[in-house]
Amino acid sequence: MHANKDSKGICNLFVVIVAFMAELSSGIKDPAIGSTIVFDNVHMNLGDAFNPANGVFVAKVAGVYVFHLTVSTPLATSNHVSFFIF
């Protein structure tokens, strides 16, 4: 929530909504360690904080952010997934 005063000194409150939802349209195999996975199917990008060109989300507004990640792998494999936020 942000506040500002108009020319008459009246305080106006407004809410800035930041949210995005993106997914891969196809699987990836053996991505390089430390690489950024760029999601090519962006369903929603409110506030334009997610850059679909480079896969980077920038928190432009102070607040609490929640990230949810779902990863699927073949049954016969052993995998390790790390999710880093910088």
PDB file of N, CA and C in Angstrom:
ATOM      1  N   MET A   1       0.844  -1.155   0.000  1.00  0.00           N
ATOM      2  CA  MET A   1       0.000   0.000   0.000  1.00  0.00           C
ATOM      3  C   MET A   1       0.898   1.230   0.000  1.00  0.00           C
ATOM      4  N   HIS A   2       0.548   2.193  -0.775  1.00  0.00           N
ATOM      5  CA  HIS A   2       1.295   3.438  -0.860  1.00  0.00           C
ATOM      6  C   HIS A   2       0.370   4.594  -0.546  1.00  0.00           C
ATOM      7  N   ALA A   3       0.965   5.677  -0.099  1.00  0.00           N
ATOM      8  CA  ALA A   3       0.181   6.871   0.217  1.00  0.00           C
ATOM      9  C   ALA A   3       0.866   8.079  -0.390  1.00  0.00           C
ATOM     10  N   ASN A   4       0.071   9.015  -0.824  1.00  0.00           N
ATOM     11  CA  ASN A   4       0.604  10.301  -1.267  1.00  0.00           C
ATOM     12  C   ASN A   4      -0.430  11.382  -0.941  1.00  0.00           C
ATOM     13  N   LYS A   5       0.035  12.618  -0.888  1.00  0.00           N
ATOM     14  CA  LYS A   5      -0.865  13.730  -0.591  1.00  0.00           C
ATOM     15  C   LYS A   5      -1.110  14.517  -1.865  1.00  0.00           C
ATOM     16  N   ASP A   6      -2.369  14.919  -2.043  1.00  0.00           N
ATOM     17  CA  ASP A   6      -2.683  15.726  -3.214  1.00  0.00           C
ATOM     18  C   ASP A   6      -2.389  17.194  -2.909  1.00  0.00           C
ATOM     19  N   SER A   7      -2.710  18.072  -3.830  1.00  0.00           N
ATOM     20  CA  SER A   7      -2.396  19.497  -3.685  1.00  0.00           C
ATOM     21  C   SER A   7      -3.105  20.143  -2.502  1.00  0.00           C
ATOM     22  N   LYS A   8      -4.173  19.527  -2.002  1.00  0.00           N
ATOM     23  CA  LYS A   8      -4.906  20.063  -0.854  1.00  0.00           C
ATOM     24  C   LYS A   8      -4.446  19.435   0.454  1.00  0.00           C
ATOM     25  N   GLY A   9      -3.421  18.588   0.393  1.00  0.00           N
ATOM     26  CA  GLY A   9      -2.900  17.959   1.595  1.00  0.00           C
ATOM     27  C   GLY A   9      -3.679  16.732   2.026  1.00  0.00           C
ATOM     28  N   ILE A  10      -4.594  16.265   1.177  1.00  0.00           N
ATOM     29  CA  ILE A  10      -5.381  15.076   1.493  1.00  0.00           C
ATOM     30  C   ILE A  10      -4.574  13.842   1.127  1.00  0.00           C
ATOM     31  N   CYS A  11      -4.502  12.912   2.068  1.00  0.00           N
ATOM     32  CA  CYS A  11      -3.737  11.688   1.860  1.00  0.00           C
ATOM     33  C   CYS A  11      -4.567  10.676   1.080  1.00  0.00           C
ATOM     34  N   ASN A  12      -4.006  10.180   0.008  1.00  0.00           N
ATOM     35  CA  ASN A  12      -4.656   9.162  -0.825  1.00  0.00           C
ATOM     36  C   ASN A  12      -3.890   7.854  -0.694  1.00  0.00           C
ATOM     37  N   LEU A  13      -4.606   6.782  -0.440  1.00  0.00           N
ATOM     38  CA  LEU A  13      -3.993   5.459  -0.349  1.00  0.00           C
ATOM     39  C   LEU A  13      -4.298   4.674  -1.613  1.00  0.00           C
ATOM     40  N   PHE A  14      -3.329   3.907  -2.072  1.00  0.00           N
ATOM     41  CA  PHE A  14      -3.575   3.034  -3.205  1.00  0.00           C
ATOM     42  C   PHE A  14      -2.738   1.771  -3.060  1.00  0.00           C
ATOM     43  N   VAL A  15      -3.223   0.708  -3.638  1.00  0.00           N
ATOM     44  CA  VAL A  15      -2.571  -0.592  -3.555  1.00  0.00           C
ATOM     45  C   VAL A  15      -1.917  -0.905  -4.894  1.00  0.00           C
ATOM     46  N   VAL A  16      -0.685  -1.354  -4.847  1.00  0.00           N
ATOM     47  CA  VAL A  16       0.030  -1.783  -6.045  1.00  0.00           C
ATOM     48  C   VAL A  16       0.049  -3.307  -6.035  1.00  0.00           C
ATOM     49  N   ILE A  17      -0.500  -3.909  -7.070  1.00  0.00           N
ATOM     50  CA  ILE A  17      -0.544  -5.369  -7.147  1.00  0.00           C
ATOM     51  C   ILE A  17       0.584  -5.847  -8.052  1.00  0.00           C
ATOM     52  N   VAL A  18       1.388  -6.756  -7.516  1.00  0.00           N
ATOM     53  CA  VAL A  18       2.486  -7.356  -8.275  1.00  0.00           C
ATOM     54  C   VAL A  18       2.300  -8.864  -8.225  1.00  0.00           C
ATOM     55  N   ALA A  19       2.164  -9.482  -9.385  1.00  0.00           N
ATOM     56  CA  ALA A  19       1.999 -10.938  -9.454  1.00  0.00           C
ATOM     57  C   ALA A  19       2.361 -11.410 -10.856  1.00  0.00           C
ATOM     58  N   PHE A  20       2.914 -12.621 -10.925  1.00  0.00           N
ATOM     59  CA  PHE A  20       3.132 -13.200 -12.244  1.00  0.00           C
ATOM     60  C   PHE A  20       2.939 -14.704 -12.166  1.00  0.00           C
ATOM     61  N   MET A  21       2.602 -15.284 -13.304  1.00  0.00           N
ATOM     62  CA  MET A  21       2.481 -16.736 -13.437  1.00  0.00           C
ATOM     63  C   MET A  21       3.060 -17.106 -14.794  1.00  0.00           C
ATOM     64  N   ALA A  22       4.016 -18.035 -14.782  1.00  0.00           N
ATOM     65  CA  ALA A  22       4.670 -18.438 -16.025  1.00  0.00           C
ATOM     66  C   ALA A  22       4.999 -19.921 -15.972  1.00  0.00           C
ATOM     67  N   GLU A  23       5.140 -20.516 -17.137  1.00  0.00           N
ATOM     68  CA  GLU A  23       5.479 -21.932 -17.215  1.00  0.00           C
ATOM     69  C   GLU A  23       6.297 -22.205 -18.468  1.00  0.00           C
ATOM     70  N   LEU A  24       6.889 -23.382 -18.496  1.00  0.00           N
ATOM     71  CA  LEU A  24       7.597 -23.839 -19.696  1.00  0.00           C
ATOM     72  C   LEU A  24       6.614 -24.577 -20.589  1.00  0.00           C
ATOM     73  N   SER A  25       6.676 -24.323 -21.874  1.00  0.00           N
ATOM     74  CA  SER A  25       5.777 -25.012 -22.799  1.00  0.00           C
ATOM     75  C   SER A  25       6.296 -26.414 -23.127  1.00  0.00           C
ATOM     76  N   SER A  26       7.568 -26.656 -22.838  1.00  0.00           N
ATOM     77  CA  SER A  26       8.131 -27.992 -23.036  1.00  0.00           C
ATOM     78  C   SER A  26       9.223 -28.217 -21.996  1.00  0.00           C
ATOM     79  N   GLY A  27       9.612 -29.470 -21.815  1.00  0.00           N
ATOM     80  CA  GLY A  27      10.611 -29.804 -20.814  1.00  0.00           C
ATOM     81  C   GLY A  27      12.002 -29.365 -21.213  1.00  0.00           C
ATOM     82  N   ILE A  28      12.873 -29.314 -20.226  1.00  0.00           N
ATOM     83  CA  ILE A  28      14.282 -29.040 -20.487  1.00  0.00           C
ATOM     84  C   ILE A  28      15.086 -30.191 -19.910  1.00  0.00           C
ATOM     85  N   LYS A  29      16.214 -30.480 -20.528  1.00  0.00           N
ATOM     86  CA  LYS A  29      17.040 -31.590 -20.078  1.00  0.00           C
ATOM     87  C   LYS A  29      18.427 -31.082 -19.737  1.00  0.00           C
ATOM     88  N   ASP A  30      18.860 -31.383 -18.530  1.00  0.00           N
ATOM     89  CA  ASP A  30      20.199 -31.055 -18.058  1.00  0.00           C
ATOM     90  C   ASP A  30      20.565 -29.577 -18.201  1.00  0.00           C
ATOM     91  N   PRO A  31      19.803 -28.699 -17.582  1.00  0.00           N
ATOM     92  CA  PRO A  31      20.202 -27.277 -17.635  1.00  0.00           C
ATOM     93  C   PRO A  31      21.520 -27.091 -16.888  1.00  0.00           C
ATOM     94  N   ALA A  32      22.299 -26.136 -17.298  1.00  0.00           N
ATOM     95  CA  ALA A  32      23.592 -25.875 -16.664  1.00  0.00           C
ATOM     96  C   ALA A  32      23.377 -25.406 -15.223  1.00  0.00           C
ATOM     97  N   ILE A  33      24.257 -25.831 -14.337  1.00  0.00           N
ATOM     98  CA  ILE A  33      24.187 -25.413 -12.938  1.00  0.00           C
ATOM     99  C   ILE A  33      24.306 -23.895 -12.865  1.00  0.00           C
ATOM    100  N   GLY A  34      23.394 -23.273 -12.143  1.00  0.00           N
ATOM    101  CA  GLY A  34      23.401 -21.824 -11.986  1.00  0.00           C
ATOM    102  C   GLY A  34      22.746 -21.064 -13.116  1.00  0.00           C
ATOM    103  N   SER A  35      22.211 -21.779 -14.094  1.00  0.00           N
ATOM    104  CA  SER A  35      21.586 -21.090 -15.225  1.00  0.00           C
ATOM    105  C   SER A  35      20.193 -20.586 -14.848  1.00  0.00           C
ATOM    106  N   THR A  36      19.741 -19.587 -15.557  1.00  0.00           N
ATOM    107  CA  THR A  36      18.391 -19.067 -15.386  1.00  0.00           C
ATOM    108  C   THR A  36      17.491 -19.756 -16.388  1.00  0.00           C
ATOM    109  N   ILE A  37      16.409 -20.332 -15.901  1.00  0.00           N
ATOM    110  CA  ILE A  37      15.435 -20.964 -16.797  1.00  0.00           C
ATOM    111  C   ILE A  37      14.400 -19.911 -17.166  1.00  0.00           C
ATOM    112  N   VAL A  38      14.280 -19.632 -18.440  1.00  0.00           N
ATOM    113  CA  VAL A  38      13.363 -18.602 -18.921  1.00  0.00           C
ATOM    114  C   VAL A  38      12.037 -19.261 -19.290  1.00  0.00           C
ATOM    115  N   PHE A  39      10.999 -18.924 -18.554  1.00  0.00           N
ATOM    116  CA  PHE A  39       9.674 -19.476 -18.812  1.00  0.00           C
ATOM    117  C   PHE A  39       9.085 -18.783 -20.027  1.00  0.00           C
ATOM    118  N   ASP A  40       8.715 -19.575 -21.025  1.00  0.00           N
ATOM    119  CA  ASP A  40       8.287 -19.000 -22.306  1.00  0.00           C
ATOM    120  C   ASP A  40       6.783 -18.801 -22.429  1.00  0.00           C
ATOM    121  N   ASN A  41       6.019 -19.228 -21.461  1.00  0.00           N
ATOM    122  CA  ASN A  41       4.566 -19.068 -21.526  1.00  0.00           C
ATOM    123  C   ASN A  41       4.120 -18.267 -20.304  1.00  0.00           C
ATOM    124  N   VAL A  42       3.957 -16.954 -20.474  1.00  0.00           N
ATOM    125  CA  VAL A  42       3.585 -16.065 -19.376  1.00  0.00           C
ATOM    126  C   VAL A  42       2.075 -15.872 -19.391  1.00  0.00           C
ATOM    127  N   HIS A  43       1.420 -16.315 -18.331  1.00  0.00           N
ATOM    128  CA  HIS A  43      -0.034 -16.206 -18.228  1.00  0.00           C
ATOM    129  C   HIS A  43      -0.475 -14.866 -17.646  1.00  0.00           C
ATOM    130  N   MET A  44       0.330 -14.319 -16.737  1.00  0.00           N
ATOM    131  CA  MET A  44      -0.044 -13.091 -16.052  1.00  0.00           C
ATOM    132  C   MET A  44       1.237 -12.384 -15.614  1.00  0.00           C
ATOM    133  N   ASN A  45       1.253 -11.058 -15.711  1.00  0.00           N
ATOM    134  CA  ASN A  45       2.407 -10.278 -15.283  1.00  0.00           C
ATOM    135  C   ASN A  45       1.930  -8.912 -14.794  1.00  0.00           C
ATOM    136  N   LEU A  46       1.219  -8.917 -13.678  1.00  0.00           N
ATOM    137  CA  LEU A  46       0.689  -7.676 -13.114  1.00  0.00           C
ATOM    138  C   LEU A  46       1.823  -6.882 -12.484  1.00  0.00           C
ATOM    139  N   GLY A  47       1.920  -5.631 -12.818  1.00  0.00           N
ATOM    140  CA  GLY A  47       2.985  -4.787 -12.288  1.00  0.00           C
ATOM    141  C   GLY A  47       4.273  -4.850 -13.093  1.00  0.00           C
ATOM    142  N   ASP A  48       4.314  -5.690 -14.108  1.00  0.00           N
ATOM    143  CA  ASP A  48       5.485  -5.833 -14.992  1.00  0.00           C
ATOM    144  C   ASP A  48       6.787  -6.051 -14.231  1.00  0.00           C
ATOM    145  N   ALA A  49       6.747  -6.798 -13.134  1.00  0.00           N
ATOM    146  CA  ALA A  49       7.956  -7.071 -12.360  1.00  0.00           C
ATOM    147  C   ALA A  49       8.723  -8.268 -12.913  1.00  0.00           C
ATOM    148  N   PHE A  50       8.058  -9.112 -13.697  1.00  0.00           N
ATOM    149  CA  PHE A  50       8.708 -10.275 -14.311  1.00  0.00           C
ATOM    150  C   PHE A  50       9.101  -9.920 -15.736  1.00  0.00           C
ATOM    151  N   ASN A  51      10.371 -10.177 -16.070  1.00  0.00           N
ATOM    152  CA  ASN A  51      10.858  -9.915 -17.418  1.00  0.00           C
ATOM    153  C   ASN A  51      10.859 -11.231 -18.187  1.00  0.00           C
ATOM    154  N   PRO A  52       9.905 -11.426 -19.103  1.00  0.00           N
ATOM    155  CA  PRO A  52       9.835 -12.699 -19.828  1.00  0.00           C
ATOM    156  C   PRO A  52      11.002 -12.918 -20.799  1.00  0.00           C
ATOM    157  N   ALA A  53      11.732 -11.874 -21.136  1.00  0.00           N
ATOM    158  CA  ALA A  53      12.863 -12.020 -22.055  1.00  0.00           C
ATOM    159  C   ALA A  53      14.061 -12.694 -21.384  1.00  0.00           C
ATOM    160  N   ASN A  54      14.279 -12.396 -20.080  1.00  0.00           N
ATOM    161  CA  ASN A  54      15.445 -12.975 -19.416  1.00  0.00           C
ATOM    162  C   ASN A  54      15.089 -13.846 -18.207  1.00  0.00           C
ATOM    163  N   GLY A  55      13.794 -13.957 -17.881  1.00  0.00           N
ATOM    164  CA  GLY A  55      13.348 -14.814 -16.791  1.00  0.00           C
ATOM    165  C   GLY A  55      13.578 -14.267 -15.400  1.00  0.00           C
ATOM    166  N   VAL A  56      13.841 -12.976 -15.292  1.00  0.00           N
ATOM    167  CA  VAL A  56      14.170 -12.371 -13.999  1.00  0.00           C
ATOM    168  C   VAL A  56      12.975 -11.596 -13.451  1.00  0.00           C
ATOM    169  N   PHE A  57      12.683 -11.824 -12.156  1.00  0.00           N
ATOM    170  CA  PHE A  57      11.650 -11.077 -11.437  1.00  0.00           C
ATOM    171  C   PHE A  57      12.350 -10.064 -10.535  1.00  0.00           C
ATOM    172  N   VAL A  58      11.917  -8.811 -10.576  1.00  0.00           N
ATOM    173  CA  VAL A  58      12.478  -7.763  -9.728  1.00  0.00           C
ATOM    174  C   VAL A  58      11.360  -7.210  -8.859  1.00  0.00           C
ATOM    175  N   ALA A  59      11.548  -7.283  -7.536  1.00  0.00           N
ATOM    176  CA  ALA A  59      10.556  -6.760  -6.591  1.00  0.00           C
ATOM    177  C   ALA A  59      10.699  -5.239  -6.535  1.00  0.00           C
ATOM    178  N   LYS A  60       9.882  -4.548  -7.300  1.00  0.00           N
ATOM    179  CA  LYS A  60       9.953  -3.092  -7.385  1.00  0.00           C
ATOM    180  C   LYS A  60       9.188  -2.414  -6.256  1.00  0.00           C
ATOM    181  N   VAL A  61       8.354  -3.181  -5.564  1.00  0.00           N
ATOM    182  CA  VAL A  61       7.522  -2.655  -4.488  1.00  0.00           C
ATOM    183  C   VAL A  61       7.856  -3.431  -3.214  1.00  0.00           C
ATOM    184  N   ALA A  62       8.049  -2.721  -2.110  1.00  0.00           N
ATOM    185  CA  ALA A  62       8.323  -3.390  -0.835  1.00  0.00           C
ATOM    186  C   ALA A  62       7.116  -4.217  -0.425  1.00  0.00           C
ATOM    187  N   GLY A  63       7.361  -5.392   0.123  1.00  0.00           N
ATOM    188  CA  GLY A  63       6.255  -6.235   0.552  1.00  0.00           C
ATOM    189  C   GLY A  63       6.706  -7.665   0.757  1.00  0.00           C
ATOM    190  N   VAL A  64       5.740  -8.540   0.947  1.00  0.00           N
ATOM    191  CA  VAL A  64       6.000  -9.964   1.126  1.00  0.00           C
ATOM    192  C   VAL A  64       5.657 -10.667  -0.181  1.00  0.00           C
ATOM    193  N   TYR A  65       6.578 -11.474  -0.678  1.00  0.00           N
ATOM    194  CA  TYR A  65       6.374 -12.191  -1.927  1.00  0.00           C
ATOM    195  C   TYR A  65       6.393 -13.692  -1.662  1.00  0.00           C
ATOM    196  N   VAL A  66       5.536 -14.419  -2.341  1.00  0.00           N
ATOM    197  CA  VAL A  66       5.464 -15.868  -2.213  1.00  0.00           C
ATOM    198  C   VAL A  66       5.740 -16.469  -3.583  1.00  0.00           C
ATOM    199  N   PHE A  67       6.631 -17.452  -3.627  1.00  0.00           N
ATOM    200  CA  PHE A  67       6.952 -18.136  -4.878  1.00  0.00           C
ATOM    201  C   PHE A  67       6.589 -19.604  -4.734  1.00  0.00           C
ATOM    202  N   HIS A  68       6.000 -20.149  -5.776  1.00  0.00           N
ATOM    203  CA  HIS A  68       5.613 -21.559  -5.794  1.00  0.00           C
ATOM    204  C   HIS A  68       6.242 -22.175  -7.031  1.00  0.00           C
ATOM    205  N   LEU A  69       6.918 -23.285  -6.848  1.00  0.00           N
ATOM    206  CA  LEU A  69       7.603 -23.956  -7.952  1.00  0.00           C
ATOM    207  C   LEU A  69       7.205 -25.418  -7.961  1.00  0.00           C
ATOM    208  N   THR A  70       6.797 -25.920  -9.119  1.00  0.00           N
ATOM    209  CA  THR A  70       6.481 -27.326  -9.281  1.00  0.00           C
ATOM    210  C   THR A  70       7.437 -27.911 -10.316  1.00  0.00           C
ATOM    211  N   VAL A  71       8.076 -29.024  -9.969  1.00  0.00           N
ATOM    212  CA  VAL A  71       9.027 -29.670 -10.865  1.00  0.00           C
ATOM    213  C   VAL A  71       8.620 -31.128 -11.017  1.00  0.00           C
ATOM    214  N   SER A  72       8.603 -31.604 -12.247  1.00  0.00           N
ATOM    215  CA  SER A  72       8.294 -33.015 -12.526  1.00  0.00           C
ATOM    216  C   SER A  72       9.505 -33.656 -13.184  1.00  0.00           C
ATOM    217  N   THR A  73       9.798 -34.899 -12.769  1.00  0.00           N
ATOM    218  CA  THR A  73      10.908 -35.649 -13.369  1.00  0.00           C
ATOM    219  C   THR A  73      10.446 -37.068 -13.660  1.00  0.00           C
ATOM    220  N   PRO A  74      11.092 -37.742 -14.593  1.00  0.00           N
ATOM    221  CA  PRO A  74      10.746 -39.149 -14.850  1.00  0.00           C
ATOM    222  C   PRO A  74      10.982 -40.001 -13.609  1.00  0.00           C
ATOM    223  N   LEU A  75      10.182 -41.042 -13.430  1.00  0.00           N
ATOM    224  CA  LEU A  75      10.265 -41.890 -12.236  1.00  0.00           C
ATOM    225  C   LEU A  75      11.614 -42.572 -12.067  1.00  0.00           C
ATOM    226  N   ALA A  76      12.261 -42.934 -13.144  1.00  0.00           N
ATOM    227  CA  ALA A  76      13.487 -43.721 -13.064  1.00  0.00           C
ATOM    228  C   ALA A  76      14.742 -42.869 -12.871  1.00  0.00           C
ATOM    229  N   THR A  77      14.585 -41.577 -12.596  1.00  0.00           N
ATOM    230  CA  THR A  77      15.761 -40.712 -12.462  1.00  0.00           C
ATOM    231  C   THR A  77      15.864 -40.159 -11.046  1.00  0.00           C
ATOM    232  N   SER A  78      17.039 -39.708 -10.724  1.00  0.00           N
ATOM    233  CA  SER A  78      17.287 -39.047  -9.444  1.00  0.00           C
ATOM    234  C   SER A  78      17.729 -37.630  -9.759  1.00  0.00           C
ATOM    235  N   ASN A  79      17.022 -36.659  -9.222  1.00  0.00           N
ATOM    236  CA  ASN A  79      17.318 -35.265  -9.537  1.00  0.00           C
ATOM    237  C   ASN A  79      17.356 -34.425  -8.284  1.00  0.00           C
ATOM    238  N   HIS A  80      18.048 -33.308  -8.389  1.00  0.00           N
ATOM    239  CA  HIS A  80      18.106 -32.330  -7.320  1.00  0.00           C
ATOM    240  C   HIS A  80      17.732 -30.987  -7.931  1.00  0.00           C
ATOM    241  N   VAL A  81      16.814 -30.286  -7.291  1.00  0.00           N
ATOM    242  CA  VAL A  81      16.361 -28.984  -7.781  1.00  0.00           C
ATOM    243  C   VAL A  81      16.647 -27.940  -6.717  1.00  0.00           C
ATOM    244  N   SER A  82      17.273 -26.857  -7.110  1.00  0.00           N
ATOM    245  CA  SER A  82      17.525 -25.732  -6.210  1.00  0.00           C
ATOM    246  C   SER A  82      16.838 -24.495  -6.765  1.00  0.00           C
ATOM    247  N   PHE A  83      16.285 -23.715  -5.868  1.00  0.00           N
ATOM    248  CA  PHE A  83      15.581 -22.494  -6.249  1.00  0.00           C
ATOM    249  C   PHE A  83      16.234 -21.350  -5.473  1.00  0.00           C
ATOM    250  N   PHE A  84      16.892 -20.446  -6.155  1.00  0.00           N
ATOM    251  CA  PHE A  84      17.615 -19.364  -5.505  1.00  0.00           C
ATOM    252  C   PHE A  84      16.931 -18.032  -5.759  1.00  0.00           C
ATOM    253  N   ILE A  85      16.854 -17.231  -4.710  1.00  0.00           N
ATOM    254  CA  ILE A  85      16.318 -15.871  -4.821  1.00  0.00           C
ATOM    255  C   ILE A  85      17.431 -14.914  -4.386  1.00  0.00           C
ATOM    256  N   PHE A  86      17.793 -14.016  -5.268  1.00  0.00           N
ATOM    257  CA  PHE A  86      18.860 -13.048  -4.960  1.00  0.00           C
ATOM    258  C   PHE A  86      18.291 -11.673  -4.839  1.00  0.00           C
TER     259      PHE A  86
END
